[in-house]
């Protein structure tokens, strides 16, 4: 990989989401590790088979796969070259670089991969940022070999919309409502609700899109926990 300027997404993923606080980072990974394990529980790589992790980010799923499948190969794929550089450095330090490949690609355009070229595809919290979700499913299906498996996890934000009065993104902002309204107005100006990929789908849409792409056997698990004033939900295939 080549060096690149630090992008906003890599800054968020590697540091800002836990604010540089080690305790907060630990709590975050305590939440994420079970999700990683659930995604990988639907995958079984044998021999030198290959898994493509789309939107690998900091490598949560990909490095988990390298550990679980000791002879398998893993392709780290992400739109951020900065994150790919980070993952490649970690792979070298962990002495697993020879089992890895690092490719810059978006979920809805995997044209750099040949059809029927990988044995499994994984992705976690990626489609929520992608407008062309159906195209992404089509790409997942295209690159998979016959009998290959797709395993994904996606948070479903539609459950929290429209929000009750006095809340902004799950937080109680009733005491600063005027300020919160200004924040919401600015956000919706930048990312209008009607076209926001983070809330334009639910689990039924994901099921339909997987079926339309050609996947003949689709299984869905829906997990919903409500802890007012915040909502946390996810979908795993």
C-alpha atoms as a PDB file:
ATOM      1  CA  UNK A   1       0.000   0.000   0.000  1.00  0.00           C
ATOM      2  CA  UNK A   2       1.111   3.603  -0.538  1.00  0.00           C
ATOM      3  CA  UNK A   3       1.032   6.400   1.995  1.00  0.00           C
ATOM      4  CA  UNK A   4      -1.926   8.769   1.916  1.00  0.00           C
ATOM      5  CA  UNK A   5      -3.197  11.752   3.816  1.00  0.00           C
ATOM      6  CA  UNK A   6      -5.209  10.838   6.902  1.00  0.00           C
ATOM      7  CA  UNK A   7      -8.891  10.790   5.955  1.00  0.00           C
ATOM      8  CA  UNK A   8     -11.825  11.668   8.187  1.00  0.00           C
ATOM      9  CA  UNK A   9     -13.148   8.104   8.266  1.00  0.00           C
ATOM     10  CA  UNK A  10      -9.886   6.597   9.488  1.00  0.00           C
ATOM     11  CA  UNK A  11      -9.567   9.314  12.150  1.00  0.00           C
ATOM     12  CA  UNK A  12     -13.015   8.442  13.426  1.00  0.00           C
ATOM     13  CA  UNK A  13     -12.548   4.683  13.377  1.00  0.00           C
ATOM     14  CA  UNK A  14      -9.096   4.570  14.910  1.00  0.00           C
ATOM     15  CA  UNK A  15      -9.469   7.220  17.593  1.00  0.00           C
ATOM     16  CA  UNK A  16     -12.379   9.627  17.693  1.00  0.00           C
ATOM     17  CA  UNK A  17     -15.147   7.050  18.240  1.00  0.00           C
ATOM     18  CA  UNK A  18     -13.736   6.325  21.699  1.00  0.00           C
ATOM     19  CA  UNK A  19     -12.202   9.751  22.248  1.00  0.00           C
ATOM     20  CA  UNK A  20      -8.766   8.371  23.035  1.00  0.00           C
ATOM     21  CA  UNK A  21     -10.173   6.939  26.283  1.00  0.00           C
ATOM     22  CA  UNK A  22      -8.800   3.374  26.898  1.00  0.00           C
ATOM     23  CA  UNK A  23     -11.729   2.453  29.155  1.00  0.00           C
ATOM     24  CA  UNK A  24     -14.255   3.570  26.573  1.00  0.00           C
ATOM     25  CA  UNK A  25     -12.322   1.675  23.904  1.00  0.00           C
ATOM     26  CA  UNK A  26     -12.483  -1.489  26.038  1.00  0.00           C
ATOM     27  CA  UNK A  27     -16.249  -1.147  26.451  1.00  0.00           C
ATOM     28  CA  UNK A  28     -16.587  -0.609  22.700  1.00  0.00           C
ATOM     29  CA  UNK A  29     -14.694  -3.800  21.875  1.00  0.00           C
ATOM     30  CA  UNK A  30     -16.551  -5.740  24.568  1.00  0.00           C
ATOM     31  CA  UNK A  31     -19.639  -4.849  22.535  1.00  0.00           C
ATOM     32  CA  UNK A  32     -18.064  -5.520  19.126  1.00  0.00           C
ATOM     33  CA  UNK A  33     -16.323  -8.859  19.765  1.00  0.00           C
ATOM     34  CA  UNK A  34     -19.578 -10.847  20.104  1.00  0.00           C
ATOM     35  CA  UNK A  35     -20.773  -9.285  16.843  1.00  0.00           C
ATOM     36  CA  UNK A  36     -17.510 -10.310  15.166  1.00  0.00           C
ATOM     37  CA  UNK A  37     -17.876 -13.857  16.476  1.00  0.00           C
ATOM     38  CA  UNK A  38     -21.495 -14.039  15.309  1.00  0.00           C
ATOM     39  CA  UNK A  39     -20.601 -12.923  11.798  1.00  0.00           C
ATOM     40  CA  UNK A  40     -17.774 -15.461  11.587  1.00  0.00           C
ATOM     41  CA  UNK A  41     -19.944 -18.261  13.012  1.00  0.00           C
ATOM     42  CA  UNK A  42     -21.740 -18.446   9.648  1.00  0.00           C
ATOM     43  CA  UNK A  43     -18.467 -18.912   7.752  1.00  0.00           C
ATOM     44  CA  UNK A  44     -16.355 -22.048   7.457  1.00  0.00           C
ATOM     45  CA  UNK A  45     -13.077 -21.760   5.577  1.00  0.00           C
ATOM     46  CA  UNK A  46     -11.142 -24.920   4.850  1.00  0.00           C
ATOM     47  CA  UNK A  47      -7.694 -25.416   3.377  1.00  0.00           C
ATOM     48  CA  UNK A  48      -6.471 -22.296   1.609  1.00  0.00           C
ATOM     49  CA  UNK A  49      -9.927 -20.863   0.926  1.00  0.00           C
ATOM     50  CA  UNK A  50     -10.384 -17.096   0.762  1.00  0.00           C
ATOM     51  CA  UNK A  51     -12.613 -14.705   2.677  1.00  0.00           C
ATOM     52  CA  UNK A  52     -13.307 -11.193   1.399  1.00  0.00           C
ATOM     53  CA  UNK A  53     -14.053  -8.720   4.200  1.00  0.00           C
ATOM     54  CA  UNK A  54     -15.798  -5.753   2.602  1.00  0.00           C
ATOM     55  CA  UNK A  55     -15.418  -2.469   4.464  1.00  0.00           C
ATOM     56  CA  UNK A  56     -12.816  -4.014   6.750  1.00  0.00           C
ATOM     57  CA  UNK A  57     -12.194  -0.782   8.664  1.00  0.00           C
ATOM     58  CA  UNK A  58      -9.666  -1.441  11.408  1.00  0.00           C
ATOM     59  CA  UNK A  59      -9.800  -5.176  10.674  1.00  0.00           C
ATOM     60  CA  UNK A  60     -12.157  -6.426  13.383  1.00  0.00           C
ATOM     61  CA  UNK A  61     -13.718  -9.178  11.250  1.00  0.00           C
ATOM     62  CA  UNK A  62     -10.704  -9.826   9.023  1.00  0.00           C
ATOM     63  CA  UNK A  63      -8.209 -10.379  11.844  1.00  0.00           C
ATOM     64  CA  UNK A  64     -10.790 -12.491  13.652  1.00  0.00           C
ATOM     65  CA  UNK A  65     -11.022 -14.675  10.546  1.00  0.00           C
ATOM     66  CA  UNK A  66      -7.247 -15.040  10.337  1.00  0.00           C
ATOM     67  CA  UNK A  67      -7.227 -16.257  13.925  1.00  0.00           C
ATOM     68  CA  UNK A  68     -10.198 -18.596  13.560  1.00  0.00           C
ATOM     69  CA  UNK A  69      -9.229 -20.122  10.207  1.00  0.00           C
ATOM     70  CA  UNK A  70      -5.524 -20.809  10.586  1.00  0.00           C
ATOM     71  CA  UNK A  71      -4.906 -21.757   6.952  1.00  0.00           C
ATOM     72  CA  UNK A  72      -7.397 -19.435   5.278  1.00  0.00           C
ATOM     73  CA  UNK A  73      -6.585 -16.317   3.285  1.00  0.00           C
ATOM     74  CA  UNK A  74      -8.284 -12.971   3.945  1.00  0.00           C
ATOM     75  CA  UNK A  75      -8.730 -10.028   1.612  1.00  0.00           C
ATOM     76  CA  UNK A  76      -9.021  -6.709   3.460  1.00  0.00           C
ATOM     77  CA  UNK A  77     -11.165  -4.354   1.370  1.00  0.00           C
ATOM     78  CA  UNK A  78     -12.078  -0.764   2.230  1.00  0.00           C
ATOM     79  CA  UNK A  79     -12.550   2.641   0.613  1.00  0.00           C
ATOM     80  CA  UNK A  80      -9.991   4.151   2.995  1.00  0.00           C
ATOM     81  CA  UNK A  81      -6.373   3.671   1.990  1.00  0.00           C
ATOM     82  CA  UNK A  82      -5.356   4.960   5.415  1.00  0.00           C
ATOM     83  CA  UNK A  83      -7.225   2.122   7.122  1.00  0.00           C
ATOM     84  CA  UNK A  84      -5.784  -0.427   4.709  1.00  0.00           C
ATOM     85  CA  UNK A  85      -2.300   0.837   5.525  1.00  0.00           C
ATOM     86  CA  UNK A  86      -3.094   0.503   9.226  1.00  0.00           C
ATOM     87  CA  UNK A  87      -4.351  -3.065   8.785  1.00  0.00           C
ATOM     88  CA  UNK A  88      -1.353  -4.038   6.661  1.00  0.00           C
ATOM     89  CA  UNK A  89       1.050  -2.761   9.331  1.00  0.00           C
ATOM     90  CA  UNK A  90      -0.775  -4.810  11.972  1.00  0.00           C
ATOM     91  CA  UNK A  91      -0.699  -7.898   9.760  1.00  0.00           C
ATOM     92  CA  UNK A  92       3.065  -7.564   9.381  1.00  0.00           C
ATOM     93  CA  UNK A  93       3.527  -7.217  13.148  1.00  0.00           C
ATOM     94  CA  UNK A  94       1.337 -10.296  13.695  1.00  0.00           C
ATOM     95  CA  UNK A  95       3.261 -12.335  11.100  1.00  0.00           C
ATOM     96  CA  UNK A  96       0.121 -13.077   9.085  1.00  0.00           C
ATOM     97  CA  UNK A  97       0.887 -10.782   6.155  1.00  0.00           C
ATOM     98  CA  UNK A  98       1.527 -13.743   3.831  1.00  0.00           C
ATOM     99  CA  UNK A  99      -2.130 -14.770   4.243  1.00  0.00           C
ATOM    100  CA  UNK A 100      -3.508 -11.301   3.498  1.00  0.00           C
ATOM    101  CA  UNK A 101      -4.309  -9.085   0.566  1.00  0.00           C
ATOM    102  CA  UNK A 102      -5.234  -5.401   0.810  1.00  0.00           C
ATOM    103  CA  UNK A 103      -7.506  -3.891  -1.832  1.00  0.00           C
ATOM    104  CA  UNK A 104      -9.108  -0.475  -2.030  1.00  0.00           C
ATOM    105  CA  UNK A 105     -12.715  -0.919  -3.114  1.00  0.00           C
ATOM    106  CA  UNK A 106     -16.240   0.160  -2.262  1.00  0.00           C
ATOM    107  CA  UNK A 107     -19.010  -2.272  -1.349  1.00  0.00           C
ATOM    108  CA  UNK A 108     -21.008  -1.407  -4.466  1.00  0.00           C
ATOM    109  CA  UNK A 109     -18.091  -1.774  -6.861  1.00  0.00           C
ATOM    110  CA  UNK A 110     -15.948  -4.898  -6.500  1.00  0.00           C
ATOM    111  CA  UNK A 111     -15.042  -4.920 -10.188  1.00  0.00           C
ATOM    112  CA  UNK A 112     -11.364  -5.495  -9.382  1.00  0.00           C
ATOM    113  CA  UNK A 113     -12.341  -9.009  -8.243  1.00  0.00           C
ATOM    114  CA  UNK A 114     -13.221 -11.685 -10.762  1.00  0.00           C
ATOM    115  CA  UNK A 115     -16.548 -13.432 -10.562  1.00  0.00           C
ATOM    116  CA  UNK A 116     -16.674 -16.589  -8.439  1.00  0.00           C
ATOM    117  CA  UNK A 117     -13.252 -15.811  -6.964  1.00  0.00           C
ATOM    118  CA  UNK A 118     -13.783 -15.990  -3.183  1.00  0.00           C
ATOM    119  CA  UNK A 119     -15.263 -18.592  -0.846  1.00  0.00           C
ATOM    120  CA  UNK A 120     -16.889 -16.231   1.662  1.00  0.00           C
ATOM    121  CA  UNK A 121     -17.843 -12.568   2.029  1.00  0.00           C
ATOM    122  CA  UNK A 122     -18.303 -10.723   5.306  1.00  0.00           C
ATOM    123  CA  UNK A 123     -19.244  -7.172   6.156  1.00  0.00           C
ATOM    124  CA  UNK A 124     -20.166  -5.335   9.353  1.00  0.00           C
ATOM    125  CA  UNK A 125     -21.944  -1.986   9.586  1.00  0.00           C
ATOM    126  CA  UNK A 126     -21.017  -1.065   6.017  1.00  0.00           C
ATOM    127  CA  UNK A 127     -24.238  -1.063   4.008  1.00  0.00           C
ATOM    128  CA  UNK A 128     -25.634   1.524   6.408  1.00  0.00           C
ATOM    129  CA  UNK A 129     -23.288   4.001   4.712  1.00  0.00           C
ATOM    130  CA  UNK A 130     -23.979   2.828   1.150  1.00  0.00           C
ATOM    131  CA  UNK A 131     -26.807   4.241  -0.955  1.00  0.00           C
ATOM    132  CA  UNK A 132     -26.572   1.523  -3.625  1.00  0.00           C
ATOM    133  CA  UNK A 133     -27.367  -1.393  -1.319  1.00  0.00           C
ATOM    134  CA  UNK A 134     -28.862  -3.614  -4.023  1.00  0.00           C
ATOM    135  CA  UNK A 135     -25.785  -3.146  -6.184  1.00  0.00           C
ATOM    136  CA  UNK A 136     -23.645  -4.164  -3.210  1.00  0.00           C
ATOM    137  CA  UNK A 137     -25.583  -7.399  -2.750  1.00  0.00           C
ATOM    138  CA  UNK A 138     -25.254  -8.057  -6.472  1.00  0.00           C
ATOM    139  CA  UNK A 139     -21.485  -7.638  -6.164  1.00  0.00           C
ATOM    140  CA  UNK A 140     -21.305  -9.925  -3.116  1.00  0.00           C
ATOM    141  CA  UNK A 141     -23.135 -12.636  -5.045  1.00  0.00           C
ATOM    142  CA  UNK A 142     -21.030 -12.173  -8.178  1.00  0.00           C
ATOM    143  CA  UNK A 143     -17.643 -12.610  -6.477  1.00  0.00           C
ATOM    144  CA  UNK A 144     -18.719 -15.660  -4.455  1.00  0.00           C
ATOM    145  CA  UNK A 145     -17.975 -19.149  -5.700  1.00  0.00           C
ATOM    146  CA  UNK A 146     -20.834 -21.618  -5.978  1.00  0.00           C
ATOM    147  CA  UNK A 147     -21.725 -22.727  -2.473  1.00  0.00           C
ATOM    148  CA  UNK A 148     -19.965 -19.737  -0.911  1.00  0.00           C
ATOM    149  CA  UNK A 149     -21.414 -17.858   2.039  1.00  0.00           C
ATOM    150  CA  UNK A 150     -22.218 -14.225   2.809  1.00  0.00           C
ATOM    151  CA  UNK A 151     -22.423 -13.168   6.463  1.00  0.00           C
ATOM    152  CA  UNK A 152     -23.287  -9.599   7.403  1.00  0.00           C
ATOM    153  CA  UNK A 153     -24.279  -7.469  10.361  1.00  0.00           C
ATOM    154  CA  UNK A 154     -26.084  -4.160   9.938  1.00  0.00           C
ATOM    155  CA  UNK A 155     -27.567  -1.781  12.527  1.00  0.00           C
ATOM    156  CA  UNK A 156     -31.145  -0.778  11.770  1.00  0.00           C
ATOM    157  CA  UNK A 157     -31.639   2.901  12.523  1.00  0.00           C
ATOM    158  CA  UNK A 158     -35.155   3.108  11.135  1.00  0.00           C
ATOM    159  CA  UNK A 159     -36.490   1.833  14.474  1.00  0.00           C
ATOM    160  CA  UNK A 160     -35.571   5.181  16.013  1.00  0.00           C
ATOM    161  CA  UNK A 161     -37.334   7.389  13.444  1.00  0.00           C
ATOM    162  CA  UNK A 162     -39.192   9.585  13.765  1.00  0.00           C
ATOM    163  CA  UNK A 163     -37.803  10.368  17.184  1.00  0.00           C
ATOM    164  CA  UNK A 164     -40.016  11.307  20.145  1.00  0.00           C
ATOM    165  CA  UNK A 165     -40.179  14.999  21.080  1.00  0.00           C
ATOM    166  CA  UNK A 166     -37.166  16.154  23.046  1.00  0.00           C
ATOM    167  CA  UNK A 167     -34.731  13.592  21.585  1.00  0.00           C
ATOM    168  CA  UNK A 168     -31.915  13.905  19.078  1.00  0.00           C
ATOM    169  CA  UNK A 169     -30.251  10.691  17.826  1.00  0.00           C
ATOM    170  CA  UNK A 170     -31.442   8.875  20.954  1.00  0.00           C
ATOM    171  CA  UNK A 171     -30.268  11.475  23.445  1.00  0.00           C
ATOM    172  CA  UNK A 172     -32.553  13.492  25.715  1.00  0.00           C
ATOM    173  CA  UNK A 173     -31.994  17.072  24.571  1.00  0.00           C
ATOM    174  CA  UNK A 174     -35.150  18.595  26.009  1.00  0.00           C
ATOM    175  CA  UNK A 175     -33.131  21.044  28.135  1.00  0.00           C
ATOM    176  CA  UNK A 176     -31.268  22.359  25.085  1.00  0.00           C
ATOM    177  CA  UNK A 177     -34.011  21.859  22.530  1.00  0.00           C
ATOM    178  CA  UNK A 178     -33.408  25.113  20.638  1.00  0.00           C
ATOM    179  CA  UNK A 179     -29.742  24.234  20.102  1.00  0.00           C
ATOM    180  CA  UNK A 180     -30.608  20.636  19.201  1.00  0.00           C
ATOM    181  CA  UNK A 181     -33.054  21.845  16.560  1.00  0.00           C
ATOM    182  CA  UNK A 182     -30.309  23.904  14.942  1.00  0.00           C
ATOM    183  CA  UNK A 183     -28.021  20.860  14.905  1.00  0.00           C
ATOM    184  CA  UNK A 184     -30.759  18.714  13.359  1.00  0.00           C
ATOM    185  CA  UNK A 185     -31.513  21.356  10.732  1.00  0.00           C
ATOM    186  CA  UNK A 186     -27.853  21.579   9.724  1.00  0.00           C
ATOM    187  CA  UNK A 187     -27.478  17.777   9.605  1.00  0.00           C
ATOM    188  CA  UNK A 188     -30.581  17.341   7.459  1.00  0.00           C
ATOM    189  CA  UNK A 189     -29.355  20.065   5.127  1.00  0.00           C
ATOM    190  CA  UNK A 190     -26.132  18.100   4.610  1.00  0.00           C
ATOM    191  CA  UNK A 191     -27.772  14.667   4.627  1.00  0.00           C
ATOM    192  CA  UNK A 192     -31.531  14.890   3.922  1.00  0.00           C
ATOM    193  CA  UNK A 193     -33.672  12.315   5.728  1.00  0.00           C
ATOM    194  CA  UNK A 194     -35.360  11.124   2.552  1.00  0.00           C
ATOM    195  CA  UNK A 195     -32.010  10.149   0.994  1.00  0.00           C
ATOM    196  CA  UNK A 196     -30.029   9.212   4.119  1.00  0.00           C
ATOM    197  CA  UNK A 197     -28.607   5.673   3.609  1.00  0.00           C
ATOM    198  CA  UNK A 198     -28.435   5.247   7.383  1.00  0.00           C
ATOM    199  CA  UNK A 199     -32.221   5.176   7.784  1.00  0.00           C
ATOM    200  CA  UNK A 200     -33.577   4.228   4.354  1.00  0.00           C
ATOM    201  CA  UNK A 201     -33.775   0.470   5.086  1.00  0.00           C
ATOM    202  CA  UNK A 202     -34.763  -2.159   7.585  1.00  0.00           C
ATOM    203  CA  UNK A 203     -34.294  -5.925   7.870  1.00  0.00           C
ATOM    204  CA  UNK A 204     -37.032  -6.630   5.311  1.00  0.00           C
ATOM    205  CA  UNK A 205     -35.226  -4.556   2.703  1.00  0.00           C
ATOM    206  CA  UNK A 206     -31.979  -6.445   3.338  1.00  0.00           C
ATOM    207  CA  UNK A 207     -33.791  -9.762   2.907  1.00  0.00           C
ATOM    208  CA  UNK A 208     -35.350  -8.695  -0.375  1.00  0.00           C
ATOM    209  CA  UNK A 209     -32.075  -7.349  -1.706  1.00  0.00           C
ATOM    210  CA  UNK A 210     -30.215 -10.561  -0.861  1.00  0.00           C
ATOM    211  CA  UNK A 211     -32.886 -12.626  -2.614  1.00  0.00           C
ATOM    212  CA  UNK A 212     -32.890 -10.360  -5.683  1.00  0.00           C
ATOM    213  CA  UNK A 213     -29.125 -10.694  -5.933  1.00  0.00           C
ATOM    214  CA  UNK A 214     -29.559 -14.460  -6.297  1.00  0.00           C
ATOM    215  CA  UNK A 215     -28.900 -15.873  -2.831  1.00  0.00           C
ATOM    216  CA  UNK A 216     -31.161 -18.938  -2.663  1.00  0.00           C
ATOM    217  CA  UNK A 217     -31.128 -19.546   1.088  1.00  0.00           C
ATOM    218  CA  UNK A 218     -31.249 -16.485   3.346  1.00  0.00           C
ATOM    219  CA  UNK A 219     -31.361 -16.581   7.152  1.00  0.00           C
ATOM    220  CA  UNK A 220     -31.950 -13.527   9.327  1.00  0.00           C
ATOM    221  CA  UNK A 221     -31.508 -12.912  13.029  1.00  0.00           C
ATOM    222  CA  UNK A 222     -32.958  -9.719  14.456  1.00  0.00           C
ATOM    223  CA  UNK A 223     -31.711  -8.461  17.808  1.00  0.00           C
ATOM    224  CA  UNK A 224     -33.391  -5.488  19.434  1.00  0.00           C
ATOM    225  CA  UNK A 225     -32.580  -3.975  22.803  1.00  0.00           C
ATOM    226  CA  UNK A 226     -34.294  -0.899  24.143  1.00  0.00           C
ATOM    227  CA  UNK A 227     -32.554   1.113  26.820  1.00  0.00           C
ATOM    228  CA  UNK A 228     -34.215   4.534  26.907  1.00  0.00           C
ATOM    229  CA  UNK A 229     -33.423   7.059  25.761  1.00  0.00           C
ATOM    230  CA  UNK A 230     -31.223   5.224  23.249  1.00  0.00           C
ATOM    231  CA  UNK A 231     -32.009   2.434  20.761  1.00  0.00           C
ATOM    232  CA  UNK A 232     -29.571  -0.267  19.682  1.00  0.00           C
ATOM    233  CA  UNK A 233     -30.500  -2.855  17.103  1.00  0.00           C
ATOM    234  CA  UNK A 234     -28.851  -4.972  14.494  1.00  0.00           C
ATOM    235  CA  UNK A 235     -29.383  -7.587  11.857  1.00  0.00           C
ATOM    236  CA  UNK A 236     -27.118 -10.532  11.147  1.00  0.00           C
ATOM    237  CA  UNK A 237     -27.261 -12.975   8.237  1.00  0.00           C
END
